[in-house]
Every structure is written in structure tokens, then in C-alpha cells.
Amino acid sequence: MESMTFTFPATKKINSLAHVGVVGSGDLEIMMEPSGSSQTEVTIRTGITGYKDTWESVVQRFFSQHEVAVKVKINDFGATPGVVKLRLEQALEVISND
């Protein structure tokens, strides 16, 4: 199991929570909650080791476009970068609809 944490600057405050996806074969779950600071903190736990640079690229690209101040927890079981982006978009949509 590999764990990693990334932080990014954020400008948009969020007041609600989101939970999308499930941990299962080839999938992942994402939980978002408001951050008390002006940054995004992303913590990733994955059973697939050796992809830190890929993870950093995917989440950095997403949160440079969506500067939301949230704490994100991602539990991964082999999801592709496309699925990661989809789940992040779903979580952001849940937060935006509250």
C-alpha cells in the first residue's frame, strides 16, 4: 500500500461534503470536505505502487482548473487516470449542487 499527499493553492471556499465511487476492482472512492485554509490537500492511498508522478500530474491538473479549498481523500484500487478525473468531477458536482 502506498500513501501520498499533495497540496495546491485554492481560492474558492466550499461548505459541503461529497463521497463518490467505491473501492473495488479497477475503481476508487473520493471523499471531499471543506478545508479551513486556502489550499487543497489531497491524500491518496493506493495498492498500486510506483505511480506517484502520474498521480501528482492528474490531481495537479484538476485542481489548477478547480481551485476549491477542500481536503480530499482518495482510496484507489487500480483506477486509470481517466476514472480518477471522472470521480473528481463527480465529487465537485455533488459539492456544487448543495
C-alpha atoms as a PDB file:
ATOM      1  CA  MET A   1       0.000   0.000   0.000  1.00  0.00           C
ATOM      2  CA  GLU A   2       1.370   3.401  -0.964  1.00  0.00           C
ATOM      3  CA  SER A   3       0.247   6.724   0.524  1.00  0.00           C
ATOM      4  CA  MET A   4       0.970  10.196  -0.787  1.00  0.00           C
ATOM      5  CA  THR A   5      -0.184  13.738  -0.047  1.00  0.00           C
ATOM      6  CA  PHE A   6      -0.207  16.773  -2.328  1.00  0.00           C
ATOM      7  CA  THR A   7      -1.209  20.386  -1.627  1.00  0.00           C
ATOM      8  CA  PHE A   8      -2.288  23.082  -4.055  1.00  0.00           C
ATOM      9  CA  PRO A   9      -3.373  26.723  -3.660  1.00  0.00           C
ATOM     10  CA  ALA A  10      -7.121  27.329  -3.604  1.00  0.00           C
ATOM     11  CA  THR A  11      -9.356  30.371  -3.880  1.00  0.00           C
ATOM     12  CA  LYS A  12     -12.916  29.016  -3.678  1.00  0.00           C
ATOM     13  CA  LYS A  13     -14.377  28.054  -0.294  1.00  0.00           C
ATOM     14  CA  ILE A  14     -16.678  25.032  -0.141  1.00  0.00           C
ATOM     15  CA  ASN A  15     -19.229  24.356   2.606  1.00  0.00           C
ATOM     16  CA  SER A  16     -20.457  20.834   1.892  1.00  0.00           C
ATOM     17  CA  LEU A  17     -19.218  17.244   1.731  1.00  0.00           C
ATOM     18  CA  ALA A  18     -19.037  14.716  -1.087  1.00  0.00           C
ATOM     19  CA  HIS A  19     -18.499  10.958  -1.285  1.00  0.00           C
ATOM     20  CA  VAL A  20     -18.418   9.272  -4.680  1.00  0.00           C
ATOM     21  CA  GLY A  21     -17.307   5.916  -6.012  1.00  0.00           C
ATOM     22  CA  VAL A  22     -16.454   2.671  -4.283  1.00  0.00           C
ATOM     23  CA  VAL A  23     -13.197   0.869  -3.706  1.00  0.00           C
ATOM     24  CA  GLY A  24     -13.311  -2.214  -5.866  1.00  0.00           C
ATOM     25  CA  SER A  25     -11.565  -3.837  -8.771  1.00  0.00           C
ATOM     26  CA  GLY A  26     -10.285  -1.062 -11.013  1.00  0.00           C
ATOM     27  CA  ASP A  27     -12.125   1.733  -9.218  1.00  0.00           C
ATOM     28  CA  LEU A  28     -11.731   4.224  -6.399  1.00  0.00           C
ATOM     29  CA  GLU A  29     -13.643   6.330  -3.913  1.00  0.00           C
ATOM     30  CA  ILE A  30     -13.232  10.035  -3.304  1.00  0.00           C
ATOM     31  CA  MET A  31     -14.288  11.948  -0.217  1.00  0.00           C
ATOM     32  CA  MET A  32     -14.184  15.759  -0.132  1.00  0.00           C
ATOM     33  CA  GLU A  33     -14.734  18.039   2.828  1.00  0.00           C
ATOM     34  CA  PRO A  34     -14.257  21.772   3.334  1.00  0.00           C
ATOM     35  CA  SER A  35     -10.768  22.965   4.219  1.00  0.00           C
ATOM     36  CA  GLY A  36     -10.165  25.586   6.885  1.00  0.00           C
ATOM     37  CA  SER A  37      -7.317  27.050   4.849  1.00  0.00           C
ATOM     38  CA  SER A  38      -6.840  28.474   1.380  1.00  0.00           C
ATOM     39  CA  GLN A  39      -5.435  25.287  -0.043  1.00  0.00           C
ATOM     40  CA  THR A  40      -6.423  21.896  -1.355  1.00  0.00           C
ATOM     41  CA  GLU A  41      -4.934  18.868   0.381  1.00  0.00           C
ATOM     42  CA  VAL A  42      -5.147  15.555  -1.468  1.00  0.00           C
ATOM     43  CA  THR A  43      -4.294  12.301   0.322  1.00  0.00           C
ATOM     44  CA  ILE A  44      -4.136   9.186  -1.821  1.00  0.00           C
ATOM     45  CA  ARG A  45      -3.951   5.573  -0.661  1.00  0.00           C
ATOM     46  CA  THR A  46      -3.379   3.022  -3.392  1.00  0.00           C
ATOM     47  CA  GLY A  47      -2.465  -0.618  -3.658  1.00  0.00           C
ATOM     48  CA  ILE A  48      -0.653   0.059  -6.940  1.00  0.00           C
ATOM     49  CA  THR A  49       2.845   1.324  -6.204  1.00  0.00           C
ATOM     50  CA  GLY A  50       5.234   3.330  -8.370  1.00  0.00           C
ATOM     51  CA  TYR A  51       2.815   5.841  -9.913  1.00  0.00           C
ATOM     52  CA  LYS A  52       3.392   8.907  -7.715  1.00  0.00           C
ATOM     53  CA  ASP A  53       4.366  11.116 -10.684  1.00  0.00           C
ATOM     54  CA  THR A  54       1.211  10.100 -12.565  1.00  0.00           C
ATOM     55  CA  TRP A  55      -0.989  10.778  -9.542  1.00  0.00           C
ATOM     56  CA  GLU A  56       0.632  14.167  -8.997  1.00  0.00           C
ATOM     57  CA  SER A  57       0.113  15.112 -12.639  1.00  0.00           C
ATOM     58  CA  VAL A  58      -3.574  14.106 -12.633  1.00  0.00           C
ATOM     59  CA  VAL A  59      -4.531  15.876  -9.396  1.00  0.00           C
ATOM     60  CA  GLN A  60      -2.373  18.929 -10.102  1.00  0.00           C
ATOM     61  CA  ARG A  61      -4.043  19.412 -13.494  1.00  0.00           C
ATOM     62  CA  PHE A  62      -7.522  19.023 -11.980  1.00  0.00           C
ATOM     63  CA  PHE A  63      -7.015  21.356  -9.028  1.00  0.00           C
ATOM     64  CA  SER A  64      -5.246  24.020 -11.107  1.00  0.00           C
ATOM     65  CA  GLN A  65      -8.517  24.250 -13.064  1.00  0.00           C
ATOM     66  CA  HIS A  66     -10.789  23.966  -9.999  1.00  0.00           C
ATOM     67  CA  GLU A  67      -9.229  25.906  -7.150  1.00  0.00           C
ATOM     68  CA  VAL A  68     -11.555  24.654  -4.411  1.00  0.00           C
ATOM     69  CA  ALA A  69     -10.375  24.708  -0.799  1.00  0.00           C
ATOM     70  CA  VAL A  70     -11.043  21.100   0.191  1.00  0.00           C
ATOM     71  CA  LYS A  71      -9.488  18.131   1.905  1.00  0.00           C
ATOM     72  CA  VAL A  72      -9.631  15.165  -0.450  1.00  0.00           C
ATOM     73  CA  LYS A  73      -9.156  11.522   0.441  1.00  0.00           C
ATOM     74  CA  ILE A  74      -8.781   9.061  -2.400  1.00  0.00           C
ATOM     75  CA  ASN A  75      -8.798   5.310  -1.836  1.00  0.00           C
ATOM     76  CA  ASP A  76      -7.684   3.595  -5.035  1.00  0.00           C
ATOM     77  CA  PHE A  77      -7.811   0.040  -6.297  1.00  0.00           C
ATOM     78  CA  GLY A  78      -6.167   0.401  -9.701  1.00  0.00           C
ATOM     79  CA  ALA A  79      -8.234   3.126 -11.367  1.00  0.00           C
ATOM     80  CA  THR A  80      -6.960   4.685 -14.576  1.00  0.00           C
ATOM     81  CA  PRO A  81      -6.240   8.440 -14.769  1.00  0.00           C
ATOM     82  CA  GLY A  82      -9.483   8.891 -16.759  1.00  0.00           C
ATOM     83  CA  VAL A  83     -11.525   7.310 -13.960  1.00  0.00           C
ATOM     84  CA  VAL A  84      -9.737   9.470 -11.377  1.00  0.00           C
ATOM     85  CA  LYS A  85     -10.670  12.624 -13.307  1.00  0.00           C
ATOM     86  CA  LEU A  86     -14.266  11.428 -13.704  1.00  0.00           C
ATOM     87  CA  ARG A  87     -14.635  10.743  -9.964  1.00  0.00           C
ATOM     88  CA  LEU A  88     -13.096  14.128  -9.076  1.00  0.00           C
ATOM     89  CA  GLU A  89     -15.586  15.813 -11.416  1.00  0.00           C
ATOM     90  CA  GLN A  90     -18.447  13.852  -9.833  1.00  0.00           C
ATOM     91  CA  ALA A  91     -17.375  14.897  -6.325  1.00  0.00           C
ATOM     92  CA  LEU A  92     -17.121  18.526  -7.403  1.00  0.00           C
ATOM     93  CA  GLU A  93     -20.600  18.303  -8.917  1.00  0.00           C
ATOM     94  CA  VAL A  94     -22.010  16.915  -5.654  1.00  0.00           C
ATOM     95  CA  ILE A  95     -20.438  19.788  -3.720  1.00  0.00           C
ATOM     96  CA  SER A  96     -21.675  22.359  -6.248  1.00  0.00           C
ATOM     97  CA  ASN A  97     -25.269  21.108  -6.052  1.00  0.00           C
ATOM     98  CA  ASP A  98     -25.527  21.592  -2.274  1.00  0.00           C
END
